Amino acid sequence: MSELITLLFNQILIEKIETELLTYYINYNKVINIEEYKTIVKELVKNKYNFKIIEPSEIVFLKNLYEKKYNKRPNGKKANDINWLKIQLNKVDYNQYEISELIRNNIYKPRYVSRMHFSKKKNKCMARLWNDHYGGQCSHTKIKGDYCNVHNKILIKYGKLQFGRIDETKPDIDYFNHNKLNWKN
């Protein structure tokens, strides 16, 4: 059932990409007719976006199984390759492991860290961190201007910080991904 849902999701995503690209036909209508343009777009999308969406929790689950089987965590480039993990685990008898224990290990663990001892210190970086919905001030020392090396590089590369400055109001959206942010008090 989950493979069917993934397949449908991928098909809908591909169709949306094709539809978006077809809106740019107006830029090429003087050099190519619409049917040729559609054919080219469909072929490009088919070649470029022949993908499969993988649920991250499935990878974590397989890594946990791998760790149970081999007594070590998978590492390297292949560690996040779901096909490689499945090949390594193809002879695993799933019943011999306590599946509920492995699923329990996949549950999201909050990563909140109290930032009160960094708050409003003049020598600390002025960037706001996500801090598991609570926000907080970066704990690094200022190096250049108001920011640490990490946030200074982000500012130079993108011209903005993902969650803004700590002395400004919390943004409603993530400045990089444009996702709605649900801050907690």
Foldseek 3Di string as FASTA:
>chain_A
DVVVVQVVVLVVVLVVQLVVQLVCCVVVVVPDPSVVSSVVSNVCSVVPVPDTDDDVLLLQLLQVVVCVVVVDGDDDPCSSPPVVSCVVCVPPDVVVDDSVVSSVVSDDDQQADDQVVVPPDQQFAFAWDCRRQAIHGHGHGDDPDRHDPVVVVVCVVPVAGQQHTNPDDTDQAGPPPRHGRRHDD
